[in-house]
Amino acid sequence: MSKHEFFVDMTCEGCSGAVTRVLNKLGDVQFEIDLPNKKVFIESKHSVEVLTDQLKKTGKDVQYIGQK
């Protein structure tokens, strides 16, 4: 599985909760949310495109930083 780093414009616990909800719907993902730095680290077999699209469902600005 690949580990990817994303910037997600999260400002509060509600934002990180939204990220948690959308990622859990994908299944087969492990992730870590760094709220102070607005980063999400995702380990998954899903493509970057699928992960990006899923994160955008939160309504937040999402940018792919790169593979870790």
PDB file of N, CA and C in Angstrom:
ATOM      1  N   MET A   1       0.837  -1.191   0.000  1.00  0.00           N
ATOM      2  CA  MET A   1       0.000   0.000   0.000  1.00  0.00           C
ATOM      3  C   MET A   1       0.877   1.248   0.000  1.00  0.00           C
ATOM      4  N   SER A   2       0.428   2.257  -0.703  1.00  0.00           N
ATOM      5  CA  SER A   2       1.163   3.515  -0.773  1.00  0.00           C
ATOM      6  C   SER A   2       0.676   4.472   0.306  1.00  0.00           C
ATOM      7  N   LYS A   3       1.588   5.323   0.769  1.00  0.00           N
ATOM      8  CA  LYS A   3       1.223   6.343   1.746  1.00  0.00           C
ATOM      9  C   LYS A   3       1.305   7.703   1.072  1.00  0.00           C
ATOM     10  N   HIS A   4       0.211   8.459   1.137  1.00  0.00           N
ATOM     11  CA  HIS A   4       0.108   9.735   0.456  1.00  0.00           C
ATOM     12  C   HIS A   4      -0.159  10.851   1.455  1.00  0.00           C
ATOM     13  N   GLU A   5       0.335  12.046   1.119  1.00  0.00           N
ATOM     14  CA  GLU A   5       0.148  13.215   1.959  1.00  0.00           C
ATOM     15  C   GLU A   5      -0.713  14.233   1.208  1.00  0.00           C
ATOM     16  N   PHE A   6      -1.735  14.742   1.896  1.00  0.00           N
ATOM     17  CA  PHE A   6      -2.640  15.731   1.319  1.00  0.00           C
ATOM     18  C   PHE A   6      -2.726  16.942   2.228  1.00  0.00           C
ATOM     19  N   PHE A   7      -2.919  18.117   1.621  1.00  0.00           N
ATOM     20  CA  PHE A   7      -3.292  19.317   2.355  1.00  0.00           C
ATOM     21  C   PHE A   7      -4.809  19.393   2.290  1.00  0.00           C
ATOM     22  N   VAL A   8      -5.468  19.535   3.437  1.00  0.00           N
ATOM     23  CA  VAL A   8      -6.913  19.718   3.483  1.00  0.00           C
ATOM     24  C   VAL A   8      -7.168  20.924   4.386  1.00  0.00           C
ATOM     25  N   ASP A   9      -7.881  21.911   3.891  1.00  0.00           N
ATOM     26  CA  ASP A   9      -8.090  23.160   4.623  1.00  0.00           C
ATOM     27  C   ASP A   9      -9.071  22.968   5.785  1.00  0.00           C
ATOM     28  N   MET A  10      -8.602  22.300   6.839  1.00  0.00           N
ATOM     29  CA  MET A  10      -9.415  22.021   8.029  1.00  0.00           C
ATOM     30  C   MET A  10      -9.135  23.082   9.095  1.00  0.00           C
ATOM     31  N   THR A  11     -10.201  23.540   9.740  1.00  0.00           N
ATOM     32  CA  THR A  11     -10.028  24.561  10.771  1.00  0.00           C
ATOM     33  C   THR A  11     -10.463  24.110  12.165  1.00  0.00           C
ATOM     34  N   CYS A  12     -11.164  22.977  12.251  1.00  0.00           N
ATOM     35  CA  CYS A  12     -11.688  22.559  13.555  1.00  0.00           C
ATOM     36  C   CYS A  12     -11.891  21.043  13.604  1.00  0.00           C
ATOM     37  N   GLU A  13     -12.311  20.576  14.778  1.00  0.00           N
ATOM     38  CA  GLU A  13     -12.584  19.144  14.953  1.00  0.00           C
ATOM     39  C   GLU A  13     -13.705  18.666  14.030  1.00  0.00           C
ATOM     40  N   GLY A  14     -14.658  19.536  13.737  1.00  0.00           N
ATOM     41  CA  GLY A  14     -15.745  19.170  12.818  1.00  0.00           C
ATOM     42  C   GLY A  14     -15.211  18.864  11.433  1.00  0.00           C
ATOM     43  N   CYS A  15     -14.213  19.652  11.011  1.00  0.00           N
ATOM     44  CA  CYS A  15     -13.588  19.425   9.704  1.00  0.00           C
ATOM     45  C   CYS A  15     -12.871  18.079   9.670  1.00  0.00           C
ATOM     46  N   SER A  16     -12.106  17.798  10.720  1.00  0.00           N
ATOM     47  CA  SER A  16     -11.385  16.522  10.752  1.00  0.00           C
ATOM     48  C   SER A  16     -12.373  15.362  10.866  1.00  0.00           C
ATOM     49  N   GLY A  17     -13.494  15.591  11.522  1.00  0.00           N
ATOM     50  CA  GLY A  17     -14.539  14.564  11.595  1.00  0.00           C
ATOM     51  C   GLY A  17     -15.124  14.265  10.223  1.00  0.00           C
ATOM     52  N   ALA A  18     -15.294  15.309   9.415  1.00  0.00           N
ATOM     53  CA  ALA A  18     -15.805  15.124   8.049  1.00  0.00           C
ATOM     54  C   ALA A  18     -14.819  14.316   7.220  1.00  0.00           C
ATOM     55  N   VAL A  19     -13.530  14.599   7.382  1.00  0.00           N
ATOM     56  CA  VAL A  19     -12.489  13.841   6.673  1.00  0.00           C
ATOM     57  C   VAL A  19     -12.545  12.374   7.096  1.00  0.00           C
ATOM     58  N   THR A  20     -12.668  12.134   8.393  1.00  0.00           N
ATOM     59  CA  THR A  20     -12.761  10.767   8.914  1.00  0.00           C
ATOM     60  C   THR A  20     -13.948  10.033   8.305  1.00  0.00           C
ATOM     61  N   ARG A  21     -15.106  10.694   8.250  1.00  0.00           N
ATOM     62  CA  ARG A  21     -16.314  10.063   7.709  1.00  0.00           C
ATOM     63  C   ARG A  21     -16.145   9.676   6.239  1.00  0.00           C
ATOM     64  N   VAL A  22     -15.631  10.608   5.414  1.00  0.00           N
ATOM     65  CA  VAL A  22     -15.536  10.298   3.975  1.00  0.00           C
ATOM     66  C   VAL A  22     -14.488   9.220   3.707  1.00  0.00           C
ATOM     67  N   LEU A  23     -13.393   9.220   4.466  1.00  0.00           N
ATOM     68  CA  LEU A  23     -12.361   8.201   4.242  1.00  0.00           C
ATOM     69  C   LEU A  23     -12.820   6.828   4.718  1.00  0.00           C
ATOM     70  N   ASN A  24     -13.557   6.774   5.809  1.00  0.00           N
ATOM     71  CA  ASN A  24     -14.055   5.486   6.296  1.00  0.00           C
ATOM     72  C   ASN A  24     -15.031   4.848   5.315  1.00  0.00           C
ATOM     73  N   LYS A  25     -15.716   5.650   4.511  1.00  0.00           N
ATOM     74  CA  LYS A  25     -16.655   5.117   3.513  1.00  0.00           C
ATOM     75  C   LYS A  25     -15.924   4.364   2.399  1.00  0.00           C
ATOM     76  N   LEU A  26     -14.659   4.720   2.157  1.00  0.00           N
ATOM     77  CA  LEU A  26     -13.889   4.033   1.110  1.00  0.00           C
ATOM     78  C   LEU A  26     -13.566   2.598   1.502  1.00  0.00           C
ATOM     79  N   GLY A  27     -13.287   2.383   2.759  1.00  0.00           N
ATOM     80  CA  GLY A  27     -12.859   1.066   3.214  1.00  0.00           C
ATOM     81  C   GLY A  27     -11.417   0.804   2.826  1.00  0.00           C
ATOM     82  N   ASP A  28     -10.763  -0.052   3.565  1.00  0.00           N
ATOM     83  CA  ASP A  28      -9.375  -0.446   3.298  1.00  0.00           C
ATOM     84  C   ASP A  28      -8.430   0.763   3.255  1.00  0.00           C
ATOM     85  N   VAL A  29      -8.635   1.713   4.171  1.00  0.00           N
ATOM     86  CA  VAL A  29      -7.728   2.852   4.280  1.00  0.00           C
ATOM     87  C   VAL A  29      -7.285   3.029   5.724  1.00  0.00           C
ATOM     88  N   GLN A  30      -6.036   3.416   5.886  1.00  0.00           N
ATOM     89  CA  GLN A  30      -5.524   3.812   7.190  1.00  0.00           C
ATOM     90  C   GLN A  30      -5.072   5.241   7.019  1.00  0.00           C
ATOM     91  N   PHE A  31      -5.415   6.095   7.979  1.00  0.00           N
ATOM     92  CA  PHE A  31      -5.062   7.504   7.813  1.00  0.00           C
ATOM     93  C   PHE A  31      -4.778   8.157   9.156  1.00  0.00           C
ATOM     94  N   GLU A  32      -4.060   9.254   9.061  1.00  0.00           N
ATOM     95  CA  GLU A  32      -3.716  10.050  10.226  1.00  0.00           C
ATOM     96  C   GLU A  32      -4.002  11.502   9.859  1.00  0.00           C
ATOM     97  N   ILE A  33      -4.681  12.210  10.765  1.00  0.00           N
ATOM     98  CA  ILE A  33      -5.020  13.607  10.519  1.00  0.00           C
ATOM     99  C   ILE A  33      -4.171  14.491  11.420  1.00  0.00           C
ATOM    100  N   ASP A  34      -3.483  15.443  10.800  1.00  0.00           N
ATOM    101  CA  ASP A  34      -2.675  16.428  11.520  1.00  0.00           C
ATOM    102  C   ASP A  34      -3.411  17.760  11.396  1.00  0.00           C
ATOM    103  N   LEU A  35      -4.361  18.005  12.305  1.00  0.00           N
ATOM    104  CA  LEU A  35      -5.218  19.183  12.212  1.00  0.00           C
ATOM    105  C   LEU A  35      -4.448  20.503  12.285  1.00  0.00           C
ATOM    106  N   PRO A  36      -3.495  20.680  13.220  1.00  0.00           N
ATOM    107  CA  PRO A  36      -2.786  21.970  13.288  1.00  0.00           C
ATOM    108  C   PRO A  36      -2.066  22.340  11.991  1.00  0.00           C
ATOM    109  N   ASN A  37      -1.542  21.342  11.277  1.00  0.00           N
ATOM    110  CA  ASN A  37      -0.817  21.593  10.023  1.00  0.00           C
ATOM    111  C   ASN A  37      -1.682  21.374   8.783  1.00  0.00           C
ATOM    112  N   LYS A  38      -2.955  21.027   9.001  1.00  0.00           N
ATOM    113  CA  LYS A  38      -3.915  20.824   7.906  1.00  0.00           C
ATOM    114  C   LYS A  38      -3.441  19.759   6.928  1.00  0.00           C
ATOM    115  N   LYS A  39      -2.917  18.665   7.461  1.00  0.00           N
ATOM    116  CA  LYS A  39      -2.411  17.569   6.625  1.00  0.00           C
ATOM    117  C   LYS A  39      -3.187  16.288   6.930  1.00  0.00           C
ATOM    118  N   VAL A  40      -3.328  15.474   5.913  1.00  0.00           N
ATOM    119  CA  VAL A  40      -3.906  14.137   6.064  1.00  0.00           C
ATOM    120  C   VAL A  40      -2.952  13.162   5.387  1.00  0.00           C
ATOM    121  N   PHE A  41      -2.542  12.144   6.134  1.00  0.00           N
ATOM    122  CA  PHE A  41      -1.660  11.094   5.610  1.00  0.00           C
ATOM    123  C   PHE A  41      -2.510   9.846   5.443  1.00  0.00           C
ATOM    124  N   ILE A  42      -2.546   9.309   4.223  1.00  0.00           N
ATOM    125  CA  ILE A  42      -3.421   8.178   3.918  1.00  0.00           C
ATOM    126  C   ILE A  42      -2.605   7.027   3.362  1.00  0.00           C
ATOM    127  N   GLU A  43      -2.818   5.848   3.936  1.00  0.00           N
ATOM    128  CA  GLU A  43      -2.210   4.623   3.423  1.00  0.00           C
ATOM    129  C   GLU A  43      -3.338   3.785   2.837  1.00  0.00           C
ATOM    130  N   SER A  44      -3.249   3.533   1.524  1.00  0.00           N
ATOM    131  CA  SER A  44      -4.361   2.876   0.846  1.00  0.00           C
ATOM    132  C   SER A  44      -3.919   2.304  -0.495  1.00  0.00           C
ATOM    133  N   LYS A  45      -4.709   1.357  -0.987  1.00  0.00           N
ATOM    134  CA  LYS A  45      -4.493   0.806  -2.327  1.00  0.00           C
ATOM    135  C   LYS A  45      -5.217   1.643  -3.377  1.00  0.00           C
ATOM    136  N   HIS A  46      -6.079   2.564  -2.930  1.00  0.00           N
ATOM    137  CA  HIS A  46      -6.835   3.418  -3.856  1.00  0.00           C
ATOM    138  C   HIS A  46      -5.897   4.400  -4.561  1.00  0.00           C
ATOM    139  N   SER A  47      -6.294   4.827  -5.751  1.00  0.00           N
ATOM    140  CA  SER A  47      -5.479   5.784  -6.516  1.00  0.00           C
ATOM    141  C   SER A  47      -5.555   7.171  -5.877  1.00  0.00           C
ATOM    142  N   VAL A  48      -4.586   7.999  -6.228  1.00  0.00           N
ATOM    143  CA  VAL A  48      -4.563   9.380  -5.740  1.00  0.00           C
ATOM    144  C   VAL A  48      -5.838  10.105  -6.172  1.00  0.00           C
ATOM    145  N   GLU A  49      -6.308   9.837  -7.386  1.00  0.00           N
ATOM    146  CA  GLU A  49      -7.513  10.483  -7.897  1.00  0.00           C
ATOM    147  C   GLU A  49      -8.726  10.129  -7.041  1.00  0.00           C
ATOM    148  N   VAL A  50      -8.873   8.853  -6.696  1.00  0.00           N
ATOM    149  CA  VAL A  50      -9.996   8.417  -5.865  1.00  0.00           C
ATOM    150  C   VAL A  50      -9.915   9.070  -4.487  1.00  0.00           C
ATOM    151  N   LEU A  51      -8.721   9.085  -3.904  1.00  0.00           N
ATOM    152  CA  LEU A  51      -8.553   9.689  -2.578  1.00  0.00           C
ATOM    153  C   LEU A  51      -8.850  11.186  -2.614  1.00  0.00           C
ATOM    154  N   THR A  52      -8.361  11.867  -3.646  1.00  0.00           N
ATOM    155  CA  THR A  52      -8.603  13.308  -3.786  1.00  0.00           C
ATOM    156  C   THR A  52     -10.097  13.593  -3.931  1.00  0.00           C
ATOM    157  N   ASP A  53     -10.765  12.848  -4.810  1.00  0.00           N
ATOM    158  CA  ASP A  53     -12.205  13.035  -5.016  1.00  0.00           C
ATOM    159  C   ASP A  53     -12.977  12.799  -3.726  1.00  0.00           C
ATOM    160  N   GLN A  54     -12.568  11.787  -2.969  1.00  0.00           N
ATOM    161  CA  GLN A  54     -13.255  11.474  -1.719  1.00  0.00           C
ATOM    162  C   GLN A  54     -13.056  12.606  -0.701  1.00  0.00           C
ATOM    163  N   LEU A  55     -11.840  13.112  -0.598  1.00  0.00           N
ATOM    164  CA  LEU A  55     -11.566  14.208   0.329  1.00  0.00           C
ATOM    165  C   LEU A  55     -12.329  15.476  -0.056  1.00  0.00           C
ATOM    166  N   LYS A  56     -12.508  15.712  -1.355  1.00  0.00           N
ATOM    167  CA  LYS A  56     -13.225  16.905  -1.814  1.00  0.00           C
ATOM    168  C   LYS A  56     -14.698  16.861  -1.429  1.00  0.00           C
ATOM    169  N   LYS A  57     -15.212  15.680  -1.109  1.00  0.00           N
ATOM    170  CA  LYS A  57     -16.610  15.565  -0.670  1.00  0.00           C
ATOM    171  C   LYS A  57     -16.842  16.274   0.661  1.00  0.00           C
ATOM    172  N   THR A  58     -15.765  16.633   1.361  1.00  0.00           N
ATOM    173  CA  THR A  58     -15.901  17.381   2.613  1.00  0.00           C
ATOM    174  C   THR A  58     -16.227  18.846   2.339  1.00  0.00           C
ATOM    175  N   GLY A  59     -16.049  19.301   1.102  1.00  0.00           N
ATOM    176  CA  GLY A  59     -16.272  20.696   0.763  1.00  0.00           C
ATOM    177  C   GLY A  59     -15.067  21.579   1.053  1.00  0.00           C
ATOM    178  N   LYS A  60     -13.981  20.957   1.465  1.00  0.00           N
ATOM    179  CA  LYS A  60     -12.758  21.708   1.797  1.00  0.00           C
ATOM    180  C   LYS A  60     -11.816  21.749   0.595  1.00  0.00           C
ATOM    181  N   ASP A  61     -10.911  22.733   0.617  1.00  0.00           N
ATOM    182  CA  ASP A  61      -9.859  22.811  -0.398  1.00  0.00           C
ATOM    183  C   ASP A  61      -8.898  21.649  -0.159  1.00  0.00           C
ATOM    184  N   VAL A  62      -8.625  20.876  -1.199  1.00  0.00           N
ATOM    185  CA  VAL A  62      -7.762  19.686  -1.089  1.00  0.00           C
ATOM    186  C   VAL A  62      -6.640  19.794  -2.114  1.00  0.00           C
ATOM    187  N   GLN A  63      -5.406  19.539  -1.659  1.00  0.00           N
ATOM    188  CA  GLN A  63      -4.267  19.509  -2.565  1.00  0.00           C
ATOM    189  C   GLN A  63      -3.422  18.287  -2.252  1.00  0.00           C
ATOM    190  N   TYR A  64      -3.019  17.599  -3.304  1.00  0.00           N
ATOM    191  CA  TYR A  64      -2.138  16.436  -3.137  1.00  0.00           C
ATOM    192  C   TYR A  64      -0.709  16.942  -3.006  1.00  0.00           C
ATOM    193  N   ILE A  65      -0.043  16.562  -1.927  1.00  0.00           N
ATOM    194  CA  ILE A  65       1.342  16.990  -1.704  1.00  0.00           C
ATOM    195  C   ILE A  65       2.324  16.008  -2.313  1.00  0.00           C
ATOM    196  N   GLY A  66       2.093  14.718  -2.067  1.00  0.00           N
ATOM    197  CA  GLY A  66       2.986  13.719  -2.648  1.00  0.00           C
ATOM    198  C   GLY A  66       2.994  12.435  -1.862  1.00  0.00           C
ATOM    199  N   GLN A  67       3.783  11.508  -2.368  1.00  0.00           N
ATOM    200  CA  GLN A  67       3.900  10.204  -1.720  1.00  0.00           C
ATOM    201  C   GLN A  67       4.935  10.293  -0.607  1.00  0.00           C
ATOM    202  N   LYS A  68       4.638   9.612   0.500  1.00  0.00           N
ATOM    203  CA  LYS A  68       5.548   9.628   1.644  1.00  0.00           C
ATOM    204  C   LYS A  68       6.453   8.420   1.608  1.00  0.00           C
TER     205      LYS A  68
END
